[in-house]
Amino acid sequence: MCLFSYAEDPDPDEQAPAGLLFVPVRTEAAGPVLRVFCTPLGERTAVGFSRRDLLTATLGAGQPAIPLVEAALRALTEPLGIDRLVVDPVLTARAVSTRPVYAAEPADAPVRAL
């Protein structure tokens, strides 16, 4: 016998609309450009934050952002083949370095020219 009633439970895959989001952008001469991120598995994704302080805590105080509703953000990323949207991510990684890292090199070794 099941103790739980699933008749009124929403499908967990059906997400509620995110509403107004603060979307990270890069500032270019022509205007703001939407920043696109990657998931740990390499899938390109759009990112939005429900509050400005969450964006600042995750990406830093100097990160410019524009307010967009979820539908507008999805409309901007759809032509790029991006259908994933992550709201309020709490973990980000630094950009990948083009400088090779060697196993014998200590983690705090100064950067040297190649």
Protein backbone atom coordinates (compact mmCIF):
# COMPACT_ATOMS: atom_id res chain seq x y z
CA MET A 1 0.00 0.00 0.00
CA CYS A 2 1.34 3.42 -0.93
CA LEU A 3 1.36 6.08 1.79
CA PHE A 4 1.67 9.03 -0.59
CA SER A 5 -0.88 10.57 -2.93
CA TYR A 6 0.63 11.53 -6.27
CA ALA A 7 -2.58 12.85 -7.86
CA GLU A 8 -1.88 16.50 -7.05
CA ASP A 9 1.94 16.43 -7.19
CA PRO A 10 3.34 18.41 -10.12
CA ASP A 11 5.70 16.71 -12.49
CA PRO A 12 9.24 17.57 -11.28
CA ASP A 13 10.31 18.14 -14.90
CA GLU A 14 7.70 20.87 -15.30
CA GLN A 15 9.46 23.99 -14.07
CA ALA A 16 7.59 27.12 -13.09
CA PRO A 17 8.49 30.21 -15.18
CA ALA A 18 11.52 31.97 -13.73
CA GLY A 19 10.17 35.52 -14.15
CA LEU A 20 12.62 38.43 -14.24
CA LEU A 21 16.25 37.31 -14.34
CA PHE A 22 19.55 39.15 -14.07
CA VAL A 23 21.53 37.82 -17.02
CA PRO A 24 25.35 38.13 -17.17
CA VAL A 25 26.67 40.02 -20.19
CA ARG A 26 29.97 41.26 -21.61
CA THR A 27 30.23 44.92 -22.46
CA GLU A 28 31.25 45.47 -26.09
CA ALA A 29 31.44 48.61 -28.24
CA ALA A 30 28.14 47.71 -29.94
CA GLY A 31 26.42 47.08 -26.59
CA PRO A 32 25.94 44.22 -24.14
CA VAL A 33 26.59 40.67 -25.36
CA LEU A 34 24.98 37.70 -23.64
CA ARG A 35 27.44 35.43 -21.81
CA VAL A 36 26.99 31.72 -22.48
CA PHE A 37 28.27 29.15 -19.99
CA CYS A 38 28.94 25.40 -20.08
CA THR A 39 27.70 22.69 -17.76
CA PRO A 40 30.29 20.31 -16.24
CA LEU A 41 29.57 17.95 -19.15
CA GLY A 42 30.28 20.67 -21.73
CA GLU A 43 26.70 21.50 -22.75
CA ARG A 44 26.23 25.19 -23.56
CA THR A 45 23.67 26.87 -21.33
CA ALA A 46 22.17 30.26 -20.63
CA VAL A 47 22.39 31.47 -17.04
CA GLY A 48 20.13 33.83 -15.12
CA PHE A 49 19.86 34.92 -11.51
CA SER A 50 16.63 35.67 -9.68
CA ARG A 51 18.34 38.37 -7.57
CA ARG A 52 21.25 40.71 -8.24
CA ASP A 53 22.99 39.73 -4.98
CA LEU A 54 23.07 36.07 -6.09
CA LEU A 55 24.76 37.08 -9.33
CA THR A 56 27.31 39.15 -7.41
CA ALA A 57 28.01 36.31 -4.97
CA THR A 58 28.62 33.85 -7.80
CA LEU A 59 30.34 35.94 -10.51
CA GLY A 60 31.71 38.91 -8.58
CA ALA A 61 30.79 42.55 -8.08
CA GLY A 62 32.21 43.66 -11.43
CA GLN A 63 29.98 41.39 -13.53
CA PRO A 64 27.62 43.48 -15.69
CA ALA A 65 24.10 42.14 -16.13
CA ILE A 66 20.83 43.06 -17.81
CA PRO A 67 17.31 42.23 -16.62
CA LEU A 68 15.40 39.87 -18.93
CA VAL A 69 12.33 37.72 -18.54
CA GLU A 70 12.83 34.00 -19.11
CA ALA A 71 10.97 34.03 -22.45
CA ALA A 72 13.24 36.77 -23.83
CA LEU A 73 16.39 34.94 -22.70
CA ARG A 74 15.19 31.72 -24.32
CA ALA A 75 14.35 33.61 -27.53
CA LEU A 76 17.91 35.01 -27.62
CA THR A 77 19.59 31.65 -27.08
CA GLU A 78 17.36 29.48 -29.28
CA PRO A 79 19.02 30.57 -32.59
CA LEU A 80 22.36 29.57 -31.03
CA GLY A 81 21.09 26.04 -30.42
CA ILE A 82 20.97 26.55 -26.66
CA ASP A 83 17.85 25.17 -25.05
CA ARG A 84 19.11 24.80 -21.48
CA LEU A 85 18.64 27.52 -18.86
CA VAL A 86 20.21 27.36 -15.41
CA VAL A 87 18.70 29.69 -12.81
CA ASP A 88 20.71 30.68 -9.73
CA PRO A 89 23.78 28.48 -10.18
CA VAL A 90 25.96 28.49 -7.08
CA LEU A 91 29.11 27.00 -8.48
CA THR A 92 31.30 28.38 -11.24
CA ALA A 93 34.82 27.57 -12.33
CA ARG A 94 37.55 29.87 -13.55
CA ALA A 95 38.15 30.19 -17.26
CA VAL A 96 40.40 27.54 -18.73
CA SER A 97 44.02 28.66 -18.91
CA THR A 98 45.95 28.33 -22.16
CA ARG A 99 49.18 27.96 -20.20
CA PRO A 100 50.26 24.31 -19.76
CA VAL A 101 50.41 23.07 -16.17
CA TYR A 102 53.09 20.55 -15.26
CA ALA A 103 52.76 17.99 -12.47
CA ALA A 104 56.09 18.99 -10.88
CA GLU A 105 55.06 22.65 -10.76
CA PRO A 106 53.73 23.82 -7.38
CA ALA A 107 50.22 25.25 -7.45
CA ASP A 108 51.43 28.68 -6.27
CA ALA A 109 54.31 28.89 -8.77
CA PRO A 110 54.48 32.25 -10.58
CA VAL A 111 53.33 32.43 -14.17
CA ARG A 112 56.26 32.47 -16.55
CA ALA A 113 56.46 33.37 -20.20
CA LEU A 114 56.77 30.50 -22.66
